[in-house]
Each structure stands twice: as structure tokens, then as C-alpha cells.
N, C-alpha and C. Protein backbone atom coordinates (compact mmCIF):
# COMPACT_ATOMS: atom_id res chain seq x y z
N MET A 1 -0.94 -67.00 -38.90
CA MET A 1 -0.26 -67.17 -37.93
C MET A 1 1.09 -67.67 -38.47
N LYS A 2 2.06 -67.17 -38.64
CA LYS A 2 3.38 -67.79 -39.17
C LYS A 2 3.07 -68.82 -39.92
N GLY A 3 2.42 -69.17 -40.93
CA GLY A 3 2.37 -70.52 -41.43
C GLY A 3 1.10 -71.15 -40.94
N ARG A 4 0.74 -70.78 -39.71
CA ARG A 4 -0.49 -71.97 -39.03
C ARG A 4 -1.98 -71.48 -39.36
N TRP A 5 -3.00 -72.20 -39.98
CA TRP A 5 -4.13 -71.96 -39.62
C TRP A 5 -4.92 -71.40 -38.42
N THR A 6 -5.42 -70.44 -38.42
CA THR A 6 -6.32 -69.96 -37.50
C THR A 6 -7.65 -69.82 -38.00
N TYR A 7 -8.99 -69.69 -37.19
CA TYR A 7 -10.02 -69.67 -37.89
C TYR A 7 -10.83 -68.49 -37.03
N LEU A 8 -11.67 -67.94 -37.75
CA LEU A 8 -12.73 -66.94 -37.44
C LEU A 8 -13.99 -67.25 -37.49
N TYR A 9 -14.54 -67.13 -35.99
CA TYR A 9 -15.79 -67.48 -36.17
C TYR A 9 -16.80 -66.22 -35.97
N ARG A 10 -17.57 -65.78 -36.92
CA ARG A 10 -18.75 -64.86 -37.12
C ARG A 10 -19.87 -65.34 -37.15
N ALA A 11 -20.90 -64.26 -36.72
CA ALA A 11 -22.25 -64.58 -36.94
C ALA A 11 -22.80 -63.46 -37.33
N VAL A 12 -23.48 -63.37 -38.49
CA VAL A 12 -24.37 -61.93 -38.59
C VAL A 12 -25.90 -62.66 -38.84
N ASP A 13 -27.02 -61.58 -38.88
CA ASP A 13 -28.34 -61.87 -38.86
C ASP A 13 -28.68 -62.21 -40.21
N LYS A 14 -29.54 -62.14 -40.43
CA LYS A 14 -30.15 -62.43 -41.99
C LYS A 14 -30.36 -61.06 -42.59
N VAL A 15 -30.13 -59.99 -42.44
CA VAL A 15 -29.96 -58.91 -43.26
C VAL A 15 -28.45 -58.45 -43.23
N GLY A 16 -27.38 -59.09 -42.68
CA GLY A 16 -25.96 -58.77 -42.77
C GLY A 16 -25.70 -58.37 -41.51
N ARG A 17 -26.05 -58.13 -40.25
CA ARG A 17 -25.53 -56.95 -39.45
C ARG A 17 -24.32 -57.58 -38.84
N THR A 18 -23.29 -57.21 -38.23
CA THR A 18 -22.48 -58.41 -37.45
C THR A 18 -23.03 -58.28 -36.34
N ILE A 19 -23.23 -59.78 -35.64
CA ILE A 19 -23.90 -59.91 -34.64
C ILE A 19 -22.39 -60.33 -33.25
N ASP A 20 -21.34 -61.19 -33.74
CA ASP A 20 -20.33 -60.69 -32.93
C ASP A 20 -19.23 -61.64 -33.61
N PHE A 21 -18.14 -61.70 -33.59
CA PHE A 21 -16.84 -62.58 -33.88
C PHE A 21 -15.83 -63.06 -32.98
N TYR A 22 -15.11 -64.47 -33.46
CA TYR A 22 -14.13 -64.65 -32.61
C TYR A 22 -13.17 -65.49 -33.12
N LEU A 23 -11.83 -65.15 -32.72
CA LEU A 23 -10.75 -65.58 -33.95
C LEU A 23 -10.31 -66.67 -32.52
N SER A 24 -10.11 -67.60 -33.26
CA SER A 24 -9.42 -69.10 -32.19
C SER A 24 -8.41 -69.89 -33.13
N GLU A 25 -7.22 -70.24 -32.55
CA GLU A 25 -6.44 -70.94 -32.63
C GLU A 25 -6.78 -72.34 -33.53
N LYS A 26 -7.91 -72.89 -32.71
CA LYS A 26 -8.29 -74.55 -33.42
C LYS A 26 -9.75 -73.80 -33.50
N ARG A 27 -10.30 -75.04 -34.41
CA ARG A 27 -11.55 -74.97 -34.92
C ARG A 27 -12.02 -76.71 -34.13
N ASP A 28 -12.94 -76.47 -33.04
CA ASP A 28 -13.20 -77.64 -32.53
C ASP A 28 -14.32 -77.44 -31.42
N VAL A 29 -14.79 -78.01 -30.92
CA VAL A 29 -16.19 -78.12 -30.17
C VAL A 29 -15.64 -77.17 -29.14
N THR A 30 -14.65 -76.71 -28.41
CA THR A 30 -14.32 -75.92 -27.52
C THR A 30 -14.69 -74.34 -28.06
N ALA A 31 -14.10 -74.33 -29.10
CA ALA A 31 -13.87 -73.26 -29.93
C ALA A 31 -15.23 -72.56 -29.81
N ALA A 32 -16.05 -73.48 -30.70
CA ALA A 32 -17.55 -72.95 -31.26
C ALA A 32 -18.28 -73.10 -29.80
N LYS A 33 -18.38 -73.72 -28.75
CA LYS A 33 -19.13 -73.30 -27.42
C LYS A 33 -18.59 -72.21 -26.99
N HIS A 34 -17.25 -71.60 -27.09
CA HIS A 34 -16.79 -70.46 -26.89
C HIS A 34 -17.18 -69.10 -27.12
N PHE A 35 -17.55 -69.48 -28.63
CA PHE A 35 -18.03 -68.45 -29.57
C PHE A 35 -19.61 -68.17 -29.41
N PHE A 36 -20.48 -69.58 -29.38
CA PHE A 36 -21.92 -69.35 -29.18
C PHE A 36 -21.94 -68.75 -27.94
N ARG A 37 -21.49 -69.24 -26.70
CA ARG A 37 -21.57 -68.47 -25.43
C ARG A 37 -21.21 -66.81 -25.90
N LYS A 38 -20.12 -66.36 -26.02
CA LYS A 38 -20.17 -65.02 -26.28
C LYS A 38 -21.30 -64.27 -26.99
N ALA A 39 -21.70 -65.04 -28.35
CA ALA A 39 -22.75 -64.35 -28.91
C ALA A 39 -23.81 -64.49 -28.35
N LEU A 40 -24.42 -65.36 -27.38
CA LEU A 40 -25.89 -65.36 -26.69
C LEU A 40 -25.89 -64.06 -25.63
N LYS A 41 -24.38 -63.85 -25.30
CA LYS A 41 -24.26 -63.04 -23.90
C LYS A 41 -24.53 -61.62 -24.69
N SER A 42 -24.37 -61.41 -25.87
CA SER A 42 -24.18 -60.11 -26.64
C SER A 42 -25.51 -60.05 -27.26
N VAL A 43 -25.88 -61.01 -27.66
CA VAL A 43 -27.71 -60.50 -28.54
C VAL A 43 -28.71 -61.38 -27.86
N GLY A 44 -28.59 -62.60 -27.09
CA GLY A 44 -29.69 -63.37 -26.71
C GLY A 44 -30.12 -64.30 -27.57
N VAL A 45 -31.03 -64.95 -27.18
CA VAL A 45 -31.36 -66.32 -28.03
C VAL A 45 -31.97 -66.01 -29.01
N PRO A 46 -31.37 -66.74 -30.34
CA PRO A 46 -32.04 -66.70 -31.53
C PRO A 46 -33.12 -67.79 -31.85
N ARG A 47 -33.95 -67.46 -32.61
CA ARG A 47 -34.85 -68.04 -33.13
C ARG A 47 -34.08 -69.48 -33.82
N VAL A 48 -33.45 -69.16 -35.02
CA VAL A 48 -32.97 -70.01 -35.85
C VAL A 48 -31.55 -70.03 -36.01
N ILE A 49 -30.58 -70.98 -35.87
CA ILE A 49 -28.89 -70.90 -36.15
C ILE A 49 -28.77 -71.59 -37.64
N THR A 50 -28.14 -70.98 -38.34
CA THR A 50 -27.76 -71.45 -39.84
C THR A 50 -26.29 -72.13 -39.52
N LEU A 51 -26.09 -73.06 -39.95
CA LEU A 51 -23.88 -73.44 -39.69
C LEU A 51 -23.95 -73.85 -41.20
N ASP A 52 -22.22 -74.15 -41.12
CA ASP A 52 -21.92 -74.84 -42.33
C ASP A 52 -21.84 -76.27 -42.02
N ALA A 53 -21.69 -77.35 -42.53
CA ALA A 53 -21.61 -78.81 -42.35
C ALA A 53 -20.21 -79.13 -41.80
N TYR A 54 -19.67 -78.38 -40.67
CA TYR A 54 -18.67 -78.75 -40.00
C TYR A 54 -19.14 -79.47 -38.61
N ALA A 55 -19.01 -80.57 -38.60
CA ALA A 55 -19.55 -81.29 -37.40
C ALA A 55 -19.55 -80.95 -36.00
N ALA A 56 -18.06 -79.86 -35.54
CA ALA A 56 -17.89 -79.52 -34.23
C ALA A 56 -18.71 -78.41 -33.78
N SER A 57 -19.46 -77.61 -34.82
CA SER A 57 -20.53 -76.63 -34.64
C SER A 57 -21.70 -76.92 -33.73
N HIS A 58 -21.95 -78.41 -35.14
CA HIS A 58 -23.35 -79.00 -34.75
C HIS A 58 -23.31 -79.91 -33.45
N ARG A 59 -22.26 -80.10 -32.92
CA ARG A 59 -21.89 -80.79 -31.82
C ARG A 59 -21.95 -79.81 -30.85
N ALA A 60 -21.27 -78.63 -30.87
CA ALA A 60 -21.27 -77.80 -29.60
C ALA A 60 -22.71 -77.22 -29.29
N VAL A 61 -23.63 -76.86 -30.46
CA VAL A 61 -24.64 -76.64 -30.43
C VAL A 61 -25.72 -77.59 -29.74
N ALA A 62 -25.66 -78.70 -29.85
CA ALA A 62 -26.17 -79.89 -29.03
C ALA A 62 -25.61 -79.48 -27.69
N GLU A 63 -24.30 -79.84 -27.43
CA GLU A 63 -24.13 -79.70 -26.15
C GLU A 63 -24.72 -78.43 -25.25
N LEU A 64 -24.68 -77.05 -26.02
CA LEU A 64 -25.27 -76.01 -25.28
C LEU A 64 -26.71 -76.73 -25.23
N LYS A 65 -27.64 -77.13 -25.77
CA LYS A 65 -28.80 -77.13 -25.44
C LYS A 65 -28.90 -78.50 -24.39
N SER A 66 -28.05 -79.08 -24.39
CA SER A 66 -28.09 -80.40 -23.23
C SER A 66 -27.72 -79.67 -21.52
N GLU A 67 -26.65 -78.46 -21.93
CA GLU A 67 -26.48 -77.87 -20.51
C GLU A 67 -27.50 -77.02 -20.16
N GLY A 68 -28.67 -76.54 -21.02
CA GLY A 68 -29.24 -75.52 -20.69
C GLY A 68 -28.83 -74.15 -21.09
N MET A 69 -27.77 -73.77 -21.46
CA MET A 69 -27.76 -72.71 -22.13
C MET A 69 -28.48 -72.26 -23.29
N LEU A 70 -28.73 -73.19 -24.23
CA LEU A 70 -29.53 -72.96 -25.44
C LEU A 70 -30.80 -73.64 -25.37
N PRO A 71 -32.32 -72.84 -25.32
CA PRO A 71 -33.47 -73.67 -25.29
C PRO A 71 -33.72 -74.51 -26.55
N ARG A 72 -34.11 -75.85 -26.02
CA ARG A 72 -34.54 -76.56 -27.02
C ARG A 72 -35.59 -76.09 -28.12
N ARG A 73 -36.17 -75.21 -28.27
CA ARG A 73 -36.67 -74.58 -29.00
C ARG A 73 -36.11 -74.14 -30.47
N VAL A 74 -34.99 -73.66 -30.21
CA VAL A 74 -33.70 -73.11 -31.02
C VAL A 74 -33.58 -74.06 -32.34
N ARG A 75 -34.12 -73.50 -33.44
CA ARG A 75 -33.71 -74.75 -34.94
C ARG A 75 -32.44 -74.19 -35.28
N VAL A 76 -32.03 -75.68 -35.72
CA VAL A 76 -30.64 -75.66 -36.14
C VAL A 76 -31.00 -75.97 -37.41
N ARG A 77 -30.26 -75.79 -38.66
CA ARG A 77 -30.24 -75.77 -40.00
C ARG A 77 -28.85 -75.61 -40.80
N CYS A 78 -28.70 -76.75 -41.56
CA CYS A 78 -27.19 -76.62 -42.48
C CYS A 78 -27.63 -76.36 -43.64
N SER A 79 -27.32 -75.09 -44.04
CA SER A 79 -27.69 -74.90 -45.38
C SER A 79 -26.37 -74.32 -46.00
N LYS A 80 -25.82 -74.56 -47.47
CA LYS A 80 -24.64 -73.48 -47.77
C LYS A 80 -25.15 -72.56 -48.68
N TYR A 81 -26.42 -72.35 -48.81
CA TYR A 81 -26.86 -71.60 -49.93
C TYR A 81 -27.12 -70.21 -48.30
N LEU A 82 -27.86 -70.71 -47.61
CA LEU A 82 -27.93 -69.46 -46.80
C LEU A 82 -26.96 -69.01 -45.97
N ASN A 83 -25.77 -69.59 -46.17
CA ASN A 83 -24.74 -69.13 -45.16
C ASN A 83 -23.76 -67.81 -46.35
N ASN A 84 -24.70 -67.87 -47.56
CA ASN A 84 -23.62 -66.75 -48.29
C ASN A 84 -23.73 -65.61 -47.92
N VAL A 85 -24.85 -65.21 -46.82
CA VAL A 85 -24.80 -63.84 -46.01
C VAL A 85 -23.41 -63.84 -45.31
N ILE A 86 -23.05 -64.86 -44.36
CA ILE A 86 -21.69 -64.78 -43.71
C ILE A 86 -20.80 -64.87 -44.55
N GLU A 87 -20.77 -65.60 -45.88
CA GLU A 87 -19.37 -65.38 -46.69
C GLU A 87 -19.16 -64.04 -47.62
N GLN A 88 -20.29 -63.59 -47.80
CA GLN A 88 -20.58 -61.95 -48.20
C GLN A 88 -19.67 -61.09 -47.32
N ASP A 89 -20.31 -61.43 -45.97
CA ASP A 89 -19.43 -60.19 -45.01
C ASP A 89 -18.27 -60.74 -44.86
N HIS A 90 -17.72 -61.60 -44.88
CA HIS A 90 -16.69 -62.01 -44.52
C HIS A 90 -15.27 -61.73 -45.32
N ARG A 91 -16.11 -61.44 -46.89
CA ARG A 91 -14.85 -61.10 -47.95
C ARG A 91 -14.44 -59.90 -47.48
N ARG A 92 -15.43 -58.92 -46.81
CA ARG A 92 -14.43 -57.73 -46.24
C ARG A 92 -13.26 -58.00 -45.74
N ILE A 93 -13.22 -58.61 -44.75
CA ILE A 93 -12.47 -58.97 -43.65
C ILE A 93 -11.20 -59.70 -44.87
N LYS A 94 -11.36 -60.72 -45.52
CA LYS A 94 -10.24 -61.09 -46.57
C LYS A 94 -9.68 -59.97 -46.99
N GLN A 95 -10.29 -59.25 -47.80
CA GLN A 95 -9.85 -58.04 -48.55
C GLN A 95 -8.70 -57.45 -47.73
N ARG A 96 -8.99 -57.16 -46.61
CA ARG A 96 -7.77 -56.35 -45.66
C ARG A 96 -6.83 -57.31 -45.41
N ILE A 97 -7.03 -58.28 -44.94
CA ILE A 97 -6.12 -59.00 -44.23
C ILE A 97 -4.95 -59.72 -45.12
N GLY A 98 -5.67 -59.99 -46.74
CA GLY A 98 -4.47 -60.43 -47.83
C GLY A 98 -3.46 -59.74 -48.05
N PRO A 99 -3.42 -58.10 -48.02
CA PRO A 99 -2.34 -57.73 -48.59
C PRO A 99 -1.09 -57.57 -47.54
N MET A 100 -1.94 -58.02 -45.90
CA MET A 100 -1.07 -57.79 -44.87
C MET A 100 0.15 -58.93 -44.72
N LEU A 101 -0.29 -60.18 -45.62
CA LEU A 101 0.67 -61.58 -45.71
C LEU A 101 0.96 -61.86 -44.40
N GLY A 102 -0.21 -62.07 -43.32
CA GLY A 102 -0.52 -63.00 -42.20
C GLY A 102 0.17 -62.27 -41.21
N PHE A 103 -0.06 -62.59 -40.25
CA PHE A 103 0.25 -62.10 -39.01
C PHE A 103 1.43 -63.07 -37.97
N LYS A 104 2.20 -62.50 -37.29
CA LYS A 104 3.37 -62.93 -36.58
C LYS A 104 2.40 -63.33 -35.16
N ARG A 105 1.73 -62.60 -34.65
CA ARG A 105 1.41 -63.39 -33.24
C ARG A 105 0.29 -63.07 -33.35
N PHE A 106 -0.21 -64.30 -32.45
CA PHE A 106 -2.12 -64.06 -32.22
C PHE A 106 -2.66 -63.15 -31.88
N ASP A 107 -2.24 -62.77 -30.98
CA ASP A 107 -2.66 -61.59 -30.03
C ASP A 107 -2.75 -60.25 -31.13
N TYR A 108 -1.34 -59.81 -32.27
CA TYR A 108 -1.56 -58.84 -32.95
C TYR A 108 -2.33 -59.10 -34.02
N ALA A 109 -2.99 -60.43 -34.10
CA ALA A 109 -3.99 -60.65 -35.02
C ALA A 109 -5.65 -60.70 -34.76
N THR A 110 -5.64 -60.94 -33.00
CA THR A 110 -6.85 -60.54 -32.55
C THR A 110 -7.07 -58.66 -32.38
N VAL A 111 -6.30 -57.98 -32.45
CA VAL A 111 -6.75 -56.80 -31.90
C VAL A 111 -7.20 -56.28 -33.59
N THR A 112 -6.04 -56.63 -34.63
CA THR A 112 -6.03 -56.21 -36.14
C THR A 112 -8.00 -56.49 -36.62
N VAL A 113 -8.11 -57.88 -36.49
CA VAL A 113 -9.37 -58.32 -36.96
C VAL A 113 -10.28 -57.36 -36.23
N SER A 114 -10.29 -57.22 -34.62
CA SER A 114 -10.86 -56.35 -33.83
C SER A 114 -11.37 -55.18 -34.45
N GLY A 115 -10.44 -54.58 -35.18
CA GLY A 115 -10.25 -52.98 -35.65
C GLY A 115 -11.41 -53.24 -36.75
N ILE A 116 -10.74 -54.23 -37.70
CA ILE A 116 -11.73 -54.25 -38.89
C ILE A 116 -13.07 -54.59 -38.73
N GLU A 117 -13.08 -55.50 -37.94
CA GLU A 117 -14.52 -55.72 -37.72
C GLU A 117 -15.48 -54.24 -37.13
N LEU A 118 -14.57 -53.50 -36.09
CA LEU A 118 -15.26 -52.03 -35.95
C LEU A 118 -15.31 -51.23 -36.84
N ALA A 119 -14.51 -51.16 -37.98
CA ALA A 119 -14.69 -50.44 -39.18
C ALA A 119 -15.78 -50.31 -40.00
N GLN A 120 -15.73 -52.24 -40.07
CA GLN A 120 -17.30 -52.48 -40.69
C GLN A 120 -18.47 -52.36 -40.13
N LYS A 121 -18.59 -52.38 -38.81
CA LYS A 121 -19.68 -51.85 -38.28
C LYS A 121 -20.01 -50.55 -38.42
N ILE A 122 -19.10 -49.67 -38.39
CA ILE A 122 -19.23 -48.23 -38.29
C ILE A 122 -19.65 -47.99 -39.79
N LYS A 123 -19.09 -48.59 -40.79
CA LYS A 123 -19.61 -48.24 -42.11
C LYS A 123 -21.01 -48.81 -42.43
N LYS A 124 -21.52 -50.02 -41.88
CA LYS A 124 -22.53 -50.28 -41.98
C LYS A 124 -23.81 -49.82 -40.99
N HIS A 125 -23.33 -48.72 -40.08
CA HIS A 125 -24.02 -48.03 -39.37
C HIS A 125 -24.73 -48.91 -38.17
N GLN A 126 -23.82 -49.83 -37.68
CA GLN A 126 -23.82 -50.78 -37.04
C GLN A 126 -23.59 -50.20 -35.40
N PHE A 127 -22.49 -49.33 -35.21
CA PHE A 127 -21.89 -49.08 -34.20
C PHE A 127 -22.55 -47.71 -33.84
N LYS A 128 -23.06 -47.56 -32.47
CA LYS A 128 -23.93 -46.44 -31.99
C LYS A 128 -22.64 -45.24 -31.62
N THR A 129 -22.76 -44.58 -32.53
CA THR A 129 -21.37 -43.22 -32.30
C THR A 129 -22.08 -42.14 -31.46
N GLY A 130 -23.59 -42.14 -31.21
CA GLY A 130 -23.83 -40.90 -30.26
C GLY A 130 -23.72 -39.64 -30.94
N LYS A 131 -23.43 -38.74 -30.21
CA LYS A 131 -22.78 -37.44 -30.07
C LYS A 131 -21.40 -37.38 -31.12
N LEU A 132 -21.05 -38.39 -31.45
CA LEU A 132 -19.48 -38.48 -32.32
C LEU A 132 -19.90 -37.67 -33.37
N ALA A 133 -20.50 -38.14 -34.13
CA ALA A 133 -20.79 -37.88 -35.55
C ALA A 133 -21.80 -37.94 -35.82
N GLY A 134 -22.58 -37.00 -37.00
CA GLY A 134 -23.78 -37.14 -37.50
C GLY A 134 -23.87 -38.15 -38.77
N ARG A 135 -24.94 -38.75 -39.35
CA ARG A 135 -24.95 -39.37 -40.35
C ARG A 135 -23.83 -38.77 -41.69
N SER A 136 -24.10 -37.93 -41.92
CA SER A 136 -22.97 -37.23 -43.10
C SER A 136 -21.47 -37.63 -42.58
N ALA A 137 -21.14 -37.99 -41.49
CA ALA A 137 -19.66 -38.26 -41.54
C ALA A 137 -19.02 -38.93 -42.15
N THR A 138 -18.05 -39.02 -42.23
CA THR A 138 -17.33 -40.20 -42.90
C THR A 138 -16.37 -41.12 -41.86
N VAL A 139 -16.22 -42.22 -42.42
CA VAL A 139 -15.69 -43.38 -41.72
C VAL A 139 -14.55 -42.82 -40.72
N PRO A 140 -13.48 -42.33 -41.89
CA PRO A 140 -12.51 -41.81 -41.26
C PRO A 140 -12.59 -40.85 -39.62
N GLY A 141 -13.90 -39.94 -39.85
CA GLY A 141 -13.76 -38.96 -38.89
C GLY A 141 -14.33 -39.95 -37.67
N ILE A 142 -15.46 -40.66 -38.14
CA ILE A 142 -15.81 -41.35 -36.78
C ILE A 142 -14.91 -42.11 -36.17
N TRP A 143 -13.97 -43.05 -37.04
CA TRP A 143 -12.57 -43.60 -36.52
C TRP A 143 -12.39 -42.77 -35.66
N ALA A 144 -11.73 -41.88 -36.14
CA ALA A 144 -10.54 -40.75 -35.14
C ALA A 144 -11.63 -40.47 -33.92
N ALA A 145 -12.55 -40.14 -34.00
CA ALA A 145 -13.72 -40.00 -32.76
C ALA A 145 -13.71 -40.73 -31.79
N VAL A 146 -14.17 -42.24 -32.23
CA VAL A 146 -13.76 -43.53 -31.51
C VAL A 146 -12.45 -43.71 -30.83
N LEU A 147 -11.71 -43.13 -31.49
CA LEU A 147 -10.02 -43.99 -30.73
C LEU A 147 -10.02 -42.64 -30.21
N ALA A 148 -10.69 -41.53 -30.14
CA ALA A 148 -10.57 -40.33 -29.32
C ALA A 148 -10.68 -40.61 -28.06
N ALA A 149 -12.21 -41.09 -27.99
CA ALA A 149 -12.68 -41.08 -26.87
C ALA A 149 -12.51 -42.07 -25.91
């Protein structure tokens, strides 16, 4: 964003399905807590959470447990190898954003990343298109139907 870093929080399950994402201007405890709350609302309580080594994420999970938003039975683990699922999924977004040479405004970046995430969900058959298209439909066809709806 105009030469400043932003951080994309992403959550995927163990088979690589995207659970949720959140674009933040800062990578701190507040942003991590906001992301975890958003992900918990959309999916529910996980059995295990795998995090990278960044301390703010671990602190956010600990605070959510102490507030009662996250049950104490949820196991938190830190493993760079288990994060490969997220990194592989994150690669698709980096490939699309790289040629754009960054964004001018944060809200434009949010909309663009949301569109990229939606396109990836459609491609991985995670977006419920219902009567919009059958299994044989192409991503551009489904995308046109989603935008028209």
C-alpha cells in the first residue's frame, strides 16, 4: 500500500479449503483477535489451531481463551511445516497481486483481495453456486453469474 506493509491473515483447514481471510494495516494482537473472532463466527470452534512463530497471534489466542470466546480445550501448536498448507494456498494470491505493483488505497486492496479469494473459492469448488452453474461450468462463467446475481 503505497510502499507500506499490510498483512493478510488467512485460515485454511487441513485439506486446503479457505476458511476466512482478513486484510489488516497492522500485524498486532488487536488485528489477530479481530481475525480470529471473524473466523470463529463463520466456521465455529476448531479442534486445533496451527500458528506461525509470531508472538502476537499466540497472545491473541491466549486472550480469547481467557475471555471465554475460545474454549480451553482448543489446542494451539506452532509448526513451520504444518503452515505449508497456508503458504501454498497463499501463493495464488501473491501471483495475482505481484503484477499489480501494489495498491494505492487500503479499501481498493480489500476489494481486490476479496475478489481474488472468491475466485479461488470458486476454482476449488468451495463456493456454493447452487443453480448458477453445473460442475462443468468454467470459472469465468460462474464468476459472471455471481456478479450478475
